[in-house]
C-alpha atoms as a PDB file:
ATOM      1  CA  UNK A   1      11.475   9.887  22.830  1.00  0.00           C
ATOM      2  CA  UNK A   2       8.136  12.599  22.466  1.00  0.00           C
ATOM      3  CA  UNK A   3      10.021  15.461  23.147  1.00  0.00           C
ATOM      4  CA  UNK A   4      13.091  14.834  20.640  1.00  0.00           C
ATOM      5  CA  UNK A   5      10.735  13.940  18.296  1.00  0.00           C
ATOM      6  CA  UNK A   6       8.314  17.382  18.843  1.00  0.00           C
ATOM      7  CA  UNK A   7      11.571  18.904  18.398  1.00  0.00           C
ATOM      8  CA  UNK A   8      12.432  17.006  15.425  1.00  0.00           C
ATOM      9  CA  UNK A   9       8.911  18.044  13.876  1.00  0.00           C
ATOM     10  CA  UNK A  10       9.367  21.647  14.937  1.00  0.00           C
ATOM     11  CA  UNK A  11      12.718  21.902  13.204  1.00  0.00           C
ATOM     12  CA  UNK A  12      11.474  20.761  10.117  1.00  0.00           C
ATOM     13  CA  UNK A  13       8.447  22.461   9.943  1.00  0.00           C
ATOM     14  CA  UNK A  14      10.519  26.119  10.315  1.00  0.00           C
ATOM     15  CA  UNK A  15      12.285  24.502   7.210  1.00  0.00           C
ATOM     16  CA  UNK A  16       8.898  23.839   4.978  1.00  0.00           C
ATOM     17  CA  UNK A  17       8.187  26.971   6.034  1.00  0.00           C
ATOM     18  CA  UNK A  18      10.953  28.518   4.511  1.00  0.00           C
ATOM     19  CA  UNK A  19      10.822  26.788   1.039  1.00  0.00           C
ATOM     20  CA  UNK A  20       7.084  27.903   0.955  1.00  0.00           C
ATOM     21  CA  UNK A  21       8.343  31.494   1.190  1.00  0.00           C
ATOM     22  CA  UNK A  22      11.032  31.505  -1.202  1.00  0.00           C
ATOM     23  CA  UNK A  23       8.887  29.583  -3.825  1.00  0.00           C
ATOM     24  CA  UNK A  24       6.351  32.657  -3.339  1.00  0.00           C
ATOM     25  CA  UNK A  25       8.777  35.338  -3.440  1.00  0.00           C
ATOM     26  CA  UNK A  26      10.553  33.542  -7.099  1.00  0.00           C
ATOM     27  CA  UNK A  27       6.588  33.522  -8.551  1.00  0.00           C
ATOM     28  CA  UNK A  28       5.857  37.260  -7.389  1.00  0.00           C
ATOM     29  CA  UNK A  29       9.312  38.000  -8.789  1.00  0.00           C
ATOM     30  CA  UNK A  30       8.465  35.480 -11.733  1.00  0.00           C
ATOM     31  CA  UNK A  31      11.982  34.694 -12.182  1.00  0.00           C
ATOM     32  CA  UNK A  32      14.775  32.091 -11.200  1.00  0.00           C
ATOM     33  CA  UNK A  33      17.929  33.918  -9.974  1.00  0.00           C
ATOM     34  CA  UNK A  34      21.025  31.826  -9.383  1.00  0.00           C
ATOM     35  CA  UNK A  35      20.302  33.247  -5.751  1.00  0.00           C
ATOM     36  CA  UNK A  36      16.902  31.487  -5.168  1.00  0.00           C
ATOM     37  CA  UNK A  37      18.505  28.413  -6.820  1.00  0.00           C
ATOM     38  CA  UNK A  38      21.155  27.917  -4.257  1.00  0.00           C
ATOM     39  CA  UNK A  39      18.646  28.913  -1.453  1.00  0.00           C
ATOM     40  CA  UNK A  40      16.412  26.343  -2.498  1.00  0.00           C
ATOM     41  CA  UNK A  41      18.608  23.587  -3.127  1.00  0.00           C
ATOM     42  CA  UNK A  42      19.857  24.428   0.750  1.00  0.00           C
ATOM     43  CA  UNK A  43      16.759  24.243   1.525  1.00  0.00           C
ATOM     44  CA  UNK A  44      15.694  20.769   0.362  1.00  0.00           C
ATOM     45  CA  UNK A  45      19.039  19.425   1.815  1.00  0.00           C
ATOM     46  CA  UNK A  46      18.092  19.985   4.961  1.00  0.00           C
ATOM     47  CA  UNK A  47      14.580  19.457   4.099  1.00  0.00           C
ATOM     48  CA  UNK A  48      15.389  15.943   3.495  1.00  0.00           C
ATOM     49  CA  UNK A  49      17.854  15.314   6.767  1.00  0.00           C
ATOM     50  CA  UNK A  50      15.354  16.498   8.757  1.00  0.00           C
ATOM     51  CA  UNK A  51      12.559  14.299   7.433  1.00  0.00           C
ATOM     52  CA  UNK A  52      15.514  11.311   7.783  1.00  0.00           C
ATOM     53  CA  UNK A  53      16.429  12.457  11.346  1.00  0.00           C
ATOM     54  CA  UNK A  54      12.542  12.215  12.074  1.00  0.00           C
ATOM     55  CA  UNK A  55      12.071   8.631  10.740  1.00  0.00           C
ATOM     56  CA  UNK A  56      15.284   7.002  12.647  1.00  0.00           C
ATOM     57  CA  UNK A  57      13.244   8.598  15.765  1.00  0.00           C
ATOM     58  CA  UNK A  58      10.040   6.871  14.730  1.00  0.00           C
ATOM     59  CA  UNK A  59      11.775   3.797  14.169  1.00  0.00           C
ATOM     60  CA  UNK A  60      13.161   3.885  17.988  1.00  0.00           C
ATOM     61  CA  UNK A  61       9.750   4.446  19.204  1.00  0.00           C
ATOM     62  CA  UNK A  62       8.225   1.562  16.960  1.00  0.00           C
ATOM     63  CA  UNK A  63      11.205  -0.920  18.028  1.00  0.00           C
ATOM     64  CA  UNK A  64      10.410   0.001  21.509  1.00  0.00           C
ATOM     65  CA  UNK A  65       6.616  -0.351  21.547  1.00  0.00           C
ATOM     66  CA  UNK A  66       7.718  -4.245  19.777  1.00  0.00           C
ATOM     67  CA  UNK A  67      10.084  -4.882  23.172  1.00  0.00           C
ATOM     68  CA  UNK A  68       7.766  -3.740  25.505  1.00  0.00           C
ATOM     69  CA  UNK A  69       5.203  -5.935  23.980  1.00  0.00           C
ATOM     70  CA  UNK A  70       7.726  -8.902  23.703  1.00  0.00           C
ATOM     71  CA  UNK A  71       8.291  -8.822  27.443  1.00  0.00           C
ATOM     72  CA  UNK A  72       4.414  -8.905  28.057  1.00  0.00           C
ATOM     73  CA  UNK A  73       3.903 -11.742  26.511  1.00  0.00           C
ATOM     74  CA  UNK A  74       6.905 -13.410  27.818  1.00  0.00           C
ATOM     75  CA  UNK A  75       5.626 -12.526  31.471  1.00  0.00           C
ATOM     76  CA  UNK A  76       1.909 -13.650  30.064  1.00  0.00           C
ATOM     77  CA  UNK A  77       3.678 -16.906  29.160  1.00  0.00           C
ATOM     78  CA  UNK A  78       5.622 -17.616  32.239  1.00  0.00           C
ATOM     79  CA  UNK A  79       2.722 -17.072  34.637  1.00  0.00           C
ATOM     80  CA  UNK A  80       0.410 -19.864  32.041  1.00  0.00           C
ATOM     81  CA  UNK A  81       3.285 -22.259  32.738  1.00  0.00           C
ATOM     82  CA  UNK A  82       3.369 -21.463  36.471  1.00  0.00           C
ATOM     83  CA  UNK A  83      -0.217 -21.613  36.483  1.00  0.00           C
ATOM     84  CA  UNK A  84      -0.191 -25.214  34.518  1.00  0.00           C
ATOM     85  CA  UNK A  85       2.007 -26.228  37.382  1.00  0.00           C
ATOM     86  CA  UNK A  86       0.982 -24.861  40.675  1.00  0.00           C
ATOM     87  CA  UNK A  87      -1.765 -27.485  41.866  1.00  0.00           C
ATOM     88  CA  UNK A  88      -2.306 -25.421  45.329  1.00  0.00           C
ATOM     89  CA  UNK A  89      -4.236 -22.389  43.373  1.00  0.00           C
ATOM     90  CA  UNK A  90      -7.764 -23.352  42.270  1.00  0.00           C
ATOM     91  CA  UNK A  91      -8.317 -23.551  38.686  1.00  0.00           C
ATOM     92  CA  UNK A  92      -9.029 -20.202  37.087  1.00  0.00           C
ATOM     93  CA  UNK A  93     -12.653 -19.977  35.488  1.00  0.00           C
ATOM     94  CA  UNK A  94     -13.031 -20.249  31.625  1.00  0.00           C
ATOM     95  CA  UNK A  95     -13.030 -16.818  29.750  1.00  0.00           C
ATOM     96  CA  UNK A  96     -16.310 -15.918  28.692  1.00  0.00           C
ATOM     97  CA  UNK A  97     -16.730 -15.670  24.991  1.00  0.00           C
ATOM     98  CA  UNK A  98     -17.510 -12.035  24.405  1.00  0.00           C
ATOM     99  CA  UNK A  99     -14.723 -11.433  26.121  1.00  0.00           C
ATOM    100  CA  UNK A 100     -12.300 -13.968  24.164  1.00  0.00           C
ATOM    101  CA  UNK A 101     -13.653 -12.431  20.971  1.00  0.00           C
ATOM    102  CA  UNK A 102     -13.096  -9.183  22.013  1.00  0.00           C
ATOM    103  CA  UNK A 103      -9.487 -10.095  22.614  1.00  0.00           C
ATOM    104  CA  UNK A 104      -9.123 -11.452  18.833  1.00  0.00           C
ATOM    105  CA  UNK A 105     -10.360  -8.121  17.470  1.00  0.00           C
ATOM    106  CA  UNK A 106      -7.710  -6.441  19.706  1.00  0.00           C
ATOM    107  CA  UNK A 107      -4.723  -8.612  19.107  1.00  0.00           C
ATOM    108  CA  UNK A 108      -6.039  -7.812  15.131  1.00  0.00           C
ATOM    109  CA  UNK A 109      -6.335  -4.528  15.518  1.00  0.00           C
ATOM    110  CA  UNK A 110      -2.608  -4.166  17.283  1.00  0.00           C
ATOM    111  CA  UNK A 111      -0.799  -6.084  14.763  1.00  0.00           C
ATOM    112  CA  UNK A 112       1.657  -3.945  13.686  1.00  0.00           C
ATOM    113  CA  UNK A 113       2.017  -2.276  10.258  1.00  0.00           C
ATOM    114  CA  UNK A 114       5.489  -3.179   8.356  1.00  0.00           C
ATOM    115  CA  UNK A 115       7.106  -0.069   8.018  1.00  0.00           C
ATOM    116  CA  UNK A 116      10.423  -0.698   5.811  1.00  0.00           C
ATOM    117  CA  UNK A 117      13.275   1.656   4.398  1.00  0.00           C
ATOM    118  CA  UNK A 118      13.213   2.266   0.878  1.00  0.00           C
ATOM    119  CA  UNK A 119      13.810  -0.425  -1.221  1.00  0.00           C
ATOM    120  CA  UNK A 120      13.397  -2.892   1.501  1.00  0.00           C
ATOM    121  CA  UNK A 121      11.036  -6.274   0.311  1.00  0.00           C
ATOM    122  CA  UNK A 122       8.220  -7.171   3.306  1.00  0.00           C
ATOM    123  CA  UNK A 123       9.780  -9.949   5.353  1.00  0.00           C
ATOM    124  CA  UNK A 124       8.391 -13.685   5.642  1.00  0.00           C
ATOM    125  CA  UNK A 125       4.851 -13.193   7.906  1.00  0.00           C
ATOM    126  CA  UNK A 126       4.221  -9.949   6.713  1.00  0.00           C
ATOM    127  CA  UNK A 127       0.955 -10.495   5.313  1.00  0.00           C
ATOM    128  CA  UNK A 128       0.500 -12.793   2.732  1.00  0.00           C
ATOM    129  CA  UNK A 129       4.291 -14.152   2.442  1.00  0.00           C
ATOM    130  CA  UNK A 130       4.681 -17.264   4.439  1.00  0.00           C
ATOM    131  CA  UNK A 131       7.064 -17.961   6.670  1.00  0.00           C
ATOM    132  CA  UNK A 132      10.365 -19.587   5.829  1.00  0.00           C
ATOM    133  CA  UNK A 133      10.701 -23.340   5.476  1.00  0.00           C
ATOM    134  CA  UNK A 134      13.096 -23.711   8.392  1.00  0.00           C
ATOM    135  CA  UNK A 135      10.740 -21.303  10.833  1.00  0.00           C
ATOM    136  CA  UNK A 136       9.942 -22.652  14.156  1.00  0.00           C
ATOM    137  CA  UNK A 137       7.257 -21.015  15.848  1.00  0.00           C
ATOM    138  CA  UNK A 138       7.693 -19.695  19.580  1.00  0.00           C
ATOM    139  CA  UNK A 139       5.836 -20.668  22.596  1.00  0.00           C
ATOM    140  CA  UNK A 140       2.730 -18.376  22.861  1.00  0.00           C
ATOM    141  CA  UNK A 141       2.886 -17.435  18.769  1.00  0.00           C
ATOM    142  CA  UNK A 142      -0.915 -17.946  17.057  1.00  0.00           C
ATOM    143  CA  UNK A 143      -1.134 -20.271  14.459  1.00  0.00           C
ATOM    144  CA  UNK A 144      -3.728 -22.286  12.332  1.00  0.00           C
ATOM    145  CA  UNK A 145      -3.445 -25.321  13.818  1.00  0.00           C
ATOM    146  CA  UNK A 146      -5.540 -28.968  11.705  1.00  0.00           C
ATOM    147  CA  UNK A 147      -7.221 -31.151  14.522  1.00  0.00           C
ATOM    148  CA  UNK A 148      -9.670 -34.340  14.721  1.00  0.00           C
ATOM    149  CA  UNK A 149     -12.958 -32.697  15.733  1.00  0.00           C
ATOM    150  CA  UNK A 150     -15.014 -34.523  17.952  1.00  0.00           C
ATOM    151  CA  UNK A 151     -16.963 -35.434  15.227  1.00  0.00           C
ATOM    152  CA  UNK A 152     -14.042 -37.004  13.154  1.00  0.00           C
ATOM    153  CA  UNK A 153     -13.770 -34.821  10.596  1.00  0.00           C
ATOM    154  CA  UNK A 154     -10.650 -32.484  10.083  1.00  0.00           C
ATOM    155  CA  UNK A 155     -10.627 -28.956  10.906  1.00  0.00           C
ATOM    156  CA  UNK A 156      -8.549 -25.424  11.174  1.00  0.00           C
ATOM    157  CA  UNK A 157      -8.694 -24.185  14.508  1.00  0.00           C
ATOM    158  CA  UNK A 158      -6.850 -20.878  16.361  1.00  0.00           C
ATOM    159  CA  UNK A 159      -4.440 -22.014  18.434  1.00  0.00           C
ATOM    160  CA  UNK A 160      -1.547 -21.189  20.883  1.00  0.00           C
ATOM    161  CA  UNK A 161       2.018 -22.682  20.402  1.00  0.00           C
ATOM    162  CA  UNK A 162       2.965 -24.649  23.789  1.00  0.00           C
ATOM    163  CA  UNK A 163       6.256 -25.742  22.341  1.00  0.00           C
ATOM    164  CA  UNK A 164       7.726 -27.692  19.783  1.00  0.00           C
ATOM    165  CA  UNK A 165      10.876 -30.589  19.862  1.00  0.00           C
ATOM    166  CA  UNK A 166      12.986 -30.915  17.040  1.00  0.00           C
ATOM    167  CA  UNK A 167      13.587 -34.620  18.222  1.00  0.00           C
ATOM    168  CA  UNK A 168      10.152 -35.492  16.265  1.00  0.00           C
ATOM    169  CA  UNK A 169       9.544 -32.089  14.482  1.00  0.00           C
ATOM    170  CA  UNK A 170       6.340 -31.784  16.339  1.00  0.00           C
ATOM    171  CA  UNK A 171       4.484 -29.096  17.766  1.00  0.00           C
ATOM    172  CA  UNK A 172       2.246 -28.536  20.881  1.00  0.00           C
ATOM    173  CA  UNK A 173      -0.459 -26.453  20.273  1.00  0.00           C
ATOM    174  CA  UNK A 174      -3.631 -25.087  22.829  1.00  0.00           C
ATOM    175  CA  UNK A 175      -6.786 -24.905  21.331  1.00  0.00           C
ATOM    176  CA  UNK A 176      -7.369 -20.847  21.792  1.00  0.00           C
ATOM    177  CA  UNK A 177     -11.021 -21.656  22.582  1.00  0.00           C
ATOM    178  CA  UNK A 178     -11.149 -21.949  26.518  1.00  0.00           C
ATOM    179  CA  UNK A 179     -14.684 -23.987  26.394  1.00  0.00           C
ATOM    180  CA  UNK A 180     -13.315 -26.727  24.246  1.00  0.00           C
ATOM    181  CA  UNK A 181      -9.956 -26.471  25.880  1.00  0.00           C
ATOM    182  CA  UNK A 182      -7.693 -29.226  24.821  1.00  0.00           C
ATOM    183  CA  UNK A 183      -3.739 -29.686  24.243  1.00  0.00           C
ATOM    184  CA  UNK A 184      -2.750 -31.112  20.561  1.00  0.00           C
ATOM    185  CA  UNK A 185       0.452 -32.657  19.327  1.00  0.00           C
ATOM    186  CA  UNK A 186       0.832 -31.996  15.721  1.00  0.00           C
ATOM    187  CA  UNK A 187       3.299 -32.426  12.733  1.00  0.00           C
ATOM    188  CA  UNK A 188       4.765 -29.090  11.264  1.00  0.00           C
ATOM    189  CA  UNK A 189       2.173 -29.372   8.374  1.00  0.00           C
ATOM    190  CA  UNK A 190      -0.527 -29.102  10.479  1.00  0.00           C
ATOM    191  CA  UNK A 191       0.604 -25.512  11.277  1.00  0.00           C
ATOM    192  CA  UNK A 192       0.443 -22.119   9.675  1.00  0.00           C
ATOM    193  CA  UNK A 193       1.628 -19.679  11.668  1.00  0.00           C
ATOM    194  CA  UNK A 194       0.011 -16.353  11.509  1.00  0.00           C
ATOM    195  CA  UNK A 195       1.095 -13.179   9.870  1.00  0.00           C
ATOM    196  CA  UNK A 196       3.180 -10.999  12.711  1.00  0.00           C
ATOM    197  CA  UNK A 197       2.753  -7.249  10.323  1.00  0.00           C
ATOM    198  CA  UNK A 198       0.399  -5.867   8.479  1.00  0.00           C
ATOM    199  CA  UNK A 199       0.669  -5.649   5.018  1.00  0.00           C
ATOM    200  CA  UNK A 200       0.655  -2.093   3.846  1.00  0.00           C
ATOM    201  CA  UNK A 201      -1.414  -1.870   0.600  1.00  0.00           C
ATOM    202  CA  UNK A 202      -0.448   1.372  -0.166  1.00  0.00           C
ATOM    203  CA  UNK A 203       3.458   0.439  -0.283  1.00  0.00           C
ATOM    204  CA  UNK A 204       3.449  -3.182  -0.158  1.00  0.00           C
ATOM    205  CA  UNK A 205       0.737  -4.265  -2.486  1.00  0.00           C
ATOM    206  CA  UNK A 206       2.365  -7.387  -3.370  1.00  0.00           C
ATOM    207  CA  UNK A 207       2.290  -8.835   0.180  1.00  0.00           C
ATOM    208  CA  UNK A 208      -1.624  -9.048   0.427  1.00  0.00           C
ATOM    209  CA  UNK A 209      -3.366 -11.611  -1.131  1.00  0.00           C
ATOM    210  CA  UNK A 210      -5.207 -10.961  -4.276  1.00  0.00           C
ATOM    211  CA  UNK A 211      -9.040 -10.918  -5.151  1.00  0.00           C
ATOM    212  CA  UNK A 212     -10.322 -14.582  -5.932  1.00  0.00           C
ATOM    213  CA  UNK A 213      -7.146 -15.678  -4.089  1.00  0.00           C
ATOM    214  CA  UNK A 214      -7.945 -19.113  -1.857  1.00  0.00           C
ATOM    215  CA  UNK A 215      -7.153 -18.686   1.890  1.00  0.00           C
ATOM    216  CA  UNK A 216      -7.833 -19.909   5.115  1.00  0.00           C
ATOM    217  CA  UNK A 217      -9.673 -17.137   6.892  1.00  0.00           C
ATOM    218  CA  UNK A 218     -11.160 -17.237  10.688  1.00  0.00           C
ATOM    219  CA  UNK A 219     -15.078 -16.984   9.835  1.00  0.00           C
ATOM    220  CA  UNK A 220     -16.251 -13.684  12.442  1.00  0.00           C
ATOM    221  CA  UNK A 221     -17.044 -14.841  16.302  1.00  0.00           C
ATOM    222  CA  UNK A 222     -15.754 -18.067  15.890  1.00  0.00           C
ATOM    223  CA  UNK A 223     -12.135 -19.729  16.585  1.00  0.00           C
ATOM    224  CA  UNK A 224     -12.259 -21.477  13.207  1.00  0.00           C
ATOM    225  CA  UNK A 225     -10.646 -20.880  10.148  1.00  0.00           C
ATOM    226  CA  UNK A 226     -12.548 -21.843   6.891  1.00  0.00           C
ATOM    227  CA  UNK A 227     -11.863 -21.781   3.311  1.00  0.00           C
ATOM    228  CA  UNK A 228     -12.738 -18.838   1.595  1.00  0.00           C
ATOM    229  CA  UNK A 229     -11.895 -16.649  -2.031  1.00  0.00           C
ATOM    230  CA  UNK A 230     -10.726 -13.078  -1.204  1.00  0.00           C
ATOM    231  CA  UNK A 231     -13.020 -10.754  -2.645  1.00  0.00           C
ATOM    232  CA  UNK A 232     -11.533  -7.650  -1.934  1.00  0.00           C
ATOM    233  CA  UNK A 233      -7.855  -7.312  -0.479  1.00  0.00           C
ATOM    234  CA  UNK A 234      -7.405  -4.455   1.705  1.00  0.00           C
ATOM    235  CA  UNK A 235      -7.170  -0.873   0.145  1.00  0.00           C
ATOM    236  CA  UNK A 236      -5.500   0.904   3.493  1.00  0.00           C
ATOM    237  CA  UNK A 237      -3.930   0.117   6.208  1.00  0.00           C
ATOM    238  CA  UNK A 238      -6.547  -0.457   8.530  1.00  0.00           C
ATOM    239  CA  UNK A 239      -8.877  -2.297   6.126  1.00  0.00           C
ATOM    240  CA  UNK A 240      -9.758  -6.001   6.311  1.00  0.00           C
ATOM    241  CA  UNK A 241     -10.223  -8.248   4.119  1.00  0.00           C
ATOM    242  CA  UNK A 242     -13.487  -8.971   2.623  1.00  0.00           C
ATOM    243  CA  UNK A 243     -14.075 -12.442   1.451  1.00  0.00           C
ATOM    244  CA  UNK A 244     -16.641 -15.164   0.262  1.00  0.00           C
ATOM    245  CA  UNK A 245     -16.717 -17.665   2.655  1.00  0.00           C
ATOM    246  CA  UNK A 246     -17.829 -21.505   1.298  1.00  0.00           C
ATOM    247  CA  UNK A 247     -20.920 -22.424   1.893  1.00  0.00           C
ATOM    248  CA  UNK A 248     -23.112 -24.616  -0.115  1.00  0.00           C
ATOM    249  CA  UNK A 249     -26.436 -23.358   1.623  1.00  0.00           C
ATOM    250  CA  UNK A 250     -26.202 -20.475  -0.735  1.00  0.00           C
ATOM    251  CA  UNK A 251     -26.884 -20.772  -4.921  1.00  0.00           C
ATOM    252  CA  UNK A 252     -22.955 -20.089  -6.192  1.00  0.00           C
ATOM    253  CA  UNK A 253     -21.716 -21.823  -3.192  1.00  0.00           C
ATOM    254  CA  UNK A 254     -20.512 -18.832  -1.533  1.00  0.00           C
ATOM    255  CA  UNK A 255     -21.255 -16.696   1.157  1.00  0.00           C
ATOM    256  CA  UNK A 256     -22.139 -12.893   0.810  1.00  0.00           C
ATOM    257  CA  UNK A 257     -18.832 -10.795   1.820  1.00  0.00           C
ATOM    258  CA  UNK A 258     -17.520 -10.719   5.295  1.00  0.00           C
ATOM    259  CA  UNK A 259     -14.945  -8.723   6.578  1.00  0.00           C
ATOM    260  CA  UNK A 260     -11.419 -10.686   8.305  1.00  0.00           C
ATOM    261  CA  UNK A 261      -8.783  -9.056   9.626  1.00  0.00           C
ATOM    262  CA  UNK A 262      -5.154  -9.402   7.945  1.00  0.00           C
ATOM    263  CA  UNK A 263      -4.160 -11.035  11.053  1.00  0.00           C
ATOM    264  CA  UNK A 264      -6.618 -14.374  10.593  1.00  0.00           C
ATOM    265  CA  UNK A 265      -6.090 -14.650   6.734  1.00  0.00           C
ATOM    266  CA  UNK A 266      -3.226 -17.607   5.787  1.00  0.00           C
ATOM    267  CA  UNK A 267      -2.718 -19.310   2.740  1.00  0.00           C
ATOM    268  CA  UNK A 268      -4.647 -22.798   2.041  1.00  0.00           C
ATOM    269  CA  UNK A 269      -2.794 -25.031   0.109  1.00  0.00           C
ATOM    270  CA  UNK A 270      -5.610 -27.491  -0.512  1.00  0.00           C
ATOM    271  CA  UNK A 271      -6.938 -27.479  -4.148  1.00  0.00           C
ATOM    272  CA  UNK A 272      -9.947 -24.521  -4.891  1.00  0.00           C
ATOM    273  CA  UNK A 273     -13.323 -26.874  -5.293  1.00  0.00           C
ATOM    274  CA  UNK A 274     -15.060 -26.800  -8.633  1.00  0.00           C
END
């Protein structure tokens, strides 16, 4: 696939050079003759076809990457399930917190960017676009889950889906933080699926949360979601949100701006505090 892309790109570049040279000749002669009109029309038609062919190769490559990632995730889940039911092996050591934080950062960085065709609208779970009403998260999917803490208060945690029962309409999820590893059985309204694609601010700004919008965001270096206001949406595909977390220790009730990746920002359905 790499060689196909390189061949297509070389052909395209050759044609673009011809377009540039034709324009230079026209400027030198200071006229647009029927010959140059016909030649440029043909060159631009070829350039458009070359660009579409290169785009198709890139889309196939992205689909292949997504397929590989899906297979790796399926294997990870299968290994996890096998470990849960294998009593003959000693229990694995709890993951160090620093390692977990690194994995969460990597997950955010490798979240694929939604690249639609001209006229395509971003799908559900792209950036700020919520899941459809009948959506059921798959085993292994990461979600924000509302659980009861040890002190009785409720909090939103980062969790991984284990299963979903259509009979009871409830999820079984695992706390992603292995230090407080616990399995929770929760109703659908206590689960918010995380984005599966990053939204591109340059092409799909409507798929991003906007300034002063209320959200739930993963507090940096933790596995808990807290209420926050969007301070600045991403300006480029690789940018994070800048958010203001609710914090009563500050005079205005909000923390200084902190960066949170698109992967870990979801809509907050609770009303904004006055």
